[in-house]
Amino acid sequence: MTGIPSNNKFSETIFGHLDRLLKEKSNISLIASEAFITFVHNKIDWHSEKSDQEKGYFAKKSQNRC
């Protein structure tokens, strides 16, 4: 069948990342672990595609949250 992977390597990779995260950072929240794993597997360099104005906006936003 088309559209069905011939192996389960991708899902096993995700479980491996999650297992490592839970061992290294036992107090990590579910949303933080999901964000980390998504970031690791994201193939797009999101930040570099933003304009200088957008980068400044996000930097300012992130500083206000700390």
N, C-alpha and C. Protein backbone atom coordinates (compact mmCIF):
# COMPACT_ATOMS: atom_id res chain seq x y z
N MET A 1 0.83 -1.18 0.00
CA MET A 1 0.00 0.00 0.00
C MET A 1 0.88 1.25 0.00
N THR A 2 0.45 2.23 -0.71
CA THR A 2 1.20 3.49 -0.74
C THR A 2 0.83 4.34 0.47
N GLY A 3 1.78 5.14 0.91
CA GLY A 3 1.53 6.02 2.05
C GLY A 3 1.78 5.37 3.39
N ILE A 4 2.11 4.10 3.39
CA ILE A 4 2.38 3.39 4.64
C ILE A 4 3.88 3.10 4.70
N PRO A 5 4.55 3.55 5.76
CA PRO A 5 5.99 3.28 5.83
C PRO A 5 6.28 1.79 5.95
N SER A 6 7.40 1.39 5.38
CA SER A 6 7.77 -0.03 5.40
C SER A 6 8.43 -0.43 6.72
N ASN A 7 8.71 0.56 7.59
CA ASN A 7 9.31 0.24 8.88
C ASN A 7 8.79 1.23 9.93
N ASN A 8 9.20 1.05 11.15
CA ASN A 8 8.73 1.93 12.23
C ASN A 8 9.88 2.76 12.82
N LYS A 9 10.89 3.04 12.01
CA LYS A 9 12.06 3.77 12.50
C LYS A 9 11.71 5.15 13.03
N PHE A 10 10.83 5.87 12.34
CA PHE A 10 10.48 7.22 12.78
C PHE A 10 9.81 7.20 14.16
N SER A 11 8.83 6.34 14.33
CA SER A 11 8.14 6.30 15.63
C SER A 11 9.08 5.82 16.74
N GLU A 12 9.96 4.89 16.44
CA GLU A 12 10.92 4.43 17.44
C GLU A 12 11.90 5.54 17.80
N THR A 13 12.25 6.39 16.84
CA THR A 13 13.12 7.53 17.12
C THR A 13 12.44 8.50 18.07
N ILE A 14 11.16 8.76 17.84
CA ILE A 14 10.40 9.65 18.72
C ILE A 14 10.35 9.08 20.13
N PHE A 15 10.06 7.80 20.26
CA PHE A 15 10.02 7.17 21.58
C PHE A 15 11.39 7.20 22.25
N GLY A 16 12.44 7.06 21.46
CA GLY A 16 13.79 7.14 22.01
C GLY A 16 14.10 8.51 22.56
N HIS A 17 13.73 9.54 21.82
CA HIS A 17 13.93 10.91 22.31
C HIS A 17 13.12 11.15 23.58
N LEU A 18 11.89 10.70 23.60
CA LEU A 18 11.04 10.89 24.77
C LEU A 18 11.61 10.15 25.98
N ASP A 19 12.08 8.94 25.78
CA ASP A 19 12.67 8.16 26.87
C ASP A 19 13.89 8.87 27.45
N ARG A 20 14.76 9.36 26.55
CA ARG A 20 15.95 10.09 27.02
C ARG A 20 15.57 11.36 27.77
N LEU A 21 14.60 12.09 27.24
CA LEU A 21 14.15 13.32 27.90
C LEU A 21 13.62 13.03 29.31
N LEU A 22 12.82 12.00 29.43
CA LEU A 22 12.23 11.67 30.73
C LEU A 22 13.29 11.24 31.74
N LYS A 23 14.36 10.62 31.27
CA LYS A 23 15.45 10.22 32.17
C LYS A 23 16.31 11.42 32.57
N GLU A 24 16.61 12.29 31.59
CA GLU A 24 17.48 13.43 31.86
C GLU A 24 16.76 14.58 32.56
N LYS A 25 15.51 14.79 32.22
CA LYS A 25 14.74 15.91 32.77
C LYS A 25 13.41 15.35 33.28
N SER A 26 13.46 14.72 34.42
CA SER A 26 12.29 14.01 34.94
C SER A 26 11.10 14.91 35.24
N ASN A 27 11.33 16.20 35.44
CA ASN A 27 10.24 17.12 35.73
C ASN A 27 9.73 17.87 34.52
N ILE A 28 10.14 17.48 33.32
CA ILE A 28 9.73 18.18 32.11
C ILE A 28 8.22 18.00 31.89
N SER A 29 7.58 19.07 31.44
CA SER A 29 6.14 19.00 31.17
C SER A 29 5.92 18.32 29.82
N LEU A 30 4.71 17.89 29.62
CA LEU A 30 4.36 17.22 28.36
C LEU A 30 4.52 18.17 27.18
N ILE A 31 4.06 19.41 27.33
CA ILE A 31 4.16 20.37 26.22
C ILE A 31 5.61 20.72 25.93
N ALA A 32 6.45 20.80 26.95
CA ALA A 32 7.87 21.10 26.74
C ALA A 32 8.56 19.93 26.03
N SER A 33 8.24 18.71 26.41
CA SER A 33 8.84 17.56 25.75
C SER A 33 8.38 17.46 24.30
N GLU A 34 7.12 17.77 24.05
CA GLU A 34 6.61 17.76 22.68
C GLU A 34 7.31 18.83 21.84
N ALA A 35 7.49 20.01 22.41
CA ALA A 35 8.17 21.09 21.69
C ALA A 35 9.62 20.72 21.39
N PHE A 36 10.29 20.12 22.34
CA PHE A 36 11.69 19.73 22.15
C PHE A 36 11.81 18.70 21.03
N ILE A 37 10.98 17.68 21.06
CA ILE A 37 11.04 16.63 20.05
C ILE A 37 10.68 17.19 18.67
N THR A 38 9.69 18.07 18.62
CA THR A 38 9.32 18.70 17.35
C THR A 38 10.47 19.53 16.82
N PHE A 39 11.14 20.27 17.71
CA PHE A 39 12.29 21.08 17.31
C PHE A 39 13.41 20.20 16.75
N VAL A 40 13.68 19.09 17.39
CA VAL A 40 14.74 18.19 16.94
C VAL A 40 14.45 17.65 15.54
N HIS A 41 13.19 17.34 15.27
CA HIS A 41 12.83 16.72 13.99
C HIS A 41 12.41 17.73 12.93
N ASN A 42 12.37 19.01 13.27
CA ASN A 42 11.97 20.03 12.32
C ASN A 42 13.10 20.25 11.32
N LYS A 43 12.80 20.12 10.06
CA LYS A 43 13.82 20.25 9.02
C LYS A 43 13.97 21.69 8.52
N ILE A 44 13.10 22.59 8.95
CA ILE A 44 13.12 23.98 8.49
C ILE A 44 13.83 24.83 9.53
N ASP A 45 14.73 25.67 9.07
CA ASP A 45 15.41 26.60 9.97
C ASP A 45 14.50 27.82 10.11
N TRP A 46 13.53 27.73 10.98
CA TRP A 46 12.46 28.70 11.14
C TRP A 46 13.00 30.09 11.42
N HIS A 47 13.93 30.19 12.32
CA HIS A 47 14.42 31.50 12.74
C HIS A 47 15.13 32.24 11.61
N SER A 48 15.91 31.55 10.82
CA SER A 48 16.68 32.22 9.77
C SER A 48 15.79 32.74 8.64
N GLU A 49 14.58 32.22 8.53
CA GLU A 49 13.67 32.67 7.48
C GLU A 49 12.92 33.95 7.87
N LYS A 50 13.04 34.38 9.12
CA LYS A 50 12.34 35.57 9.60
C LYS A 50 13.14 36.83 9.29
N SER A 51 12.42 37.91 9.10
CA SER A 51 13.08 39.20 8.87
C SER A 51 13.67 39.70 10.19
N ASP A 52 14.55 40.71 10.09
CA ASP A 52 15.15 41.27 11.30
C ASP A 52 14.09 41.85 12.23
N GLN A 53 13.06 42.43 11.66
CA GLN A 53 11.96 42.99 12.47
C GLN A 53 11.24 41.88 13.24
N GLU A 54 10.95 40.77 12.56
CA GLU A 54 10.28 39.65 13.23
C GLU A 54 11.17 39.03 14.30
N LYS A 55 12.46 38.90 14.01
CA LYS A 55 13.40 38.35 15.00
C LYS A 55 13.42 39.21 16.25
N GLY A 56 13.44 40.54 16.06
CA GLY A 56 13.42 41.46 17.19
C GLY A 56 12.14 41.34 17.99
N TYR A 57 11.03 41.19 17.30
CA TYR A 57 9.73 41.02 17.97
C TYR A 57 9.73 39.77 18.85
N PHE A 58 10.18 38.65 18.30
CA PHE A 58 10.17 37.40 19.06
C PHE A 58 11.17 37.43 20.21
N ALA A 59 12.32 38.08 20.00
CA ALA A 59 13.30 38.20 21.08
C ALA A 59 12.73 39.02 22.23
N LYS A 60 12.05 40.11 21.90
CA LYS A 60 11.44 40.95 22.93
C LYS A 60 10.34 40.20 23.66
N LYS A 61 9.52 39.46 22.90
CA LYS A 61 8.44 38.66 23.50
C LYS A 61 8.99 37.61 24.47
N SER A 62 10.08 36.96 24.08
CA SER A 62 10.63 35.89 24.91
C SER A 62 11.25 36.45 26.18
N GLN A 63 11.82 37.65 26.12
CA GLN A 63 12.41 38.27 27.30
C GLN A 63 11.35 38.68 28.31
N ASN A 64 10.17 39.04 27.83
CA ASN A 64 9.08 39.43 28.73
C ASN A 64 8.51 38.24 29.48
N ARG A 65 8.75 37.03 28.99
CA ARG A 65 8.22 35.82 29.64
C ARG A 65 9.11 35.31 30.74
N CYS A 66 10.37 35.73 30.77
CA CYS A 66 11.33 35.23 31.76
C CYS A 66 11.17 35.90 33.09
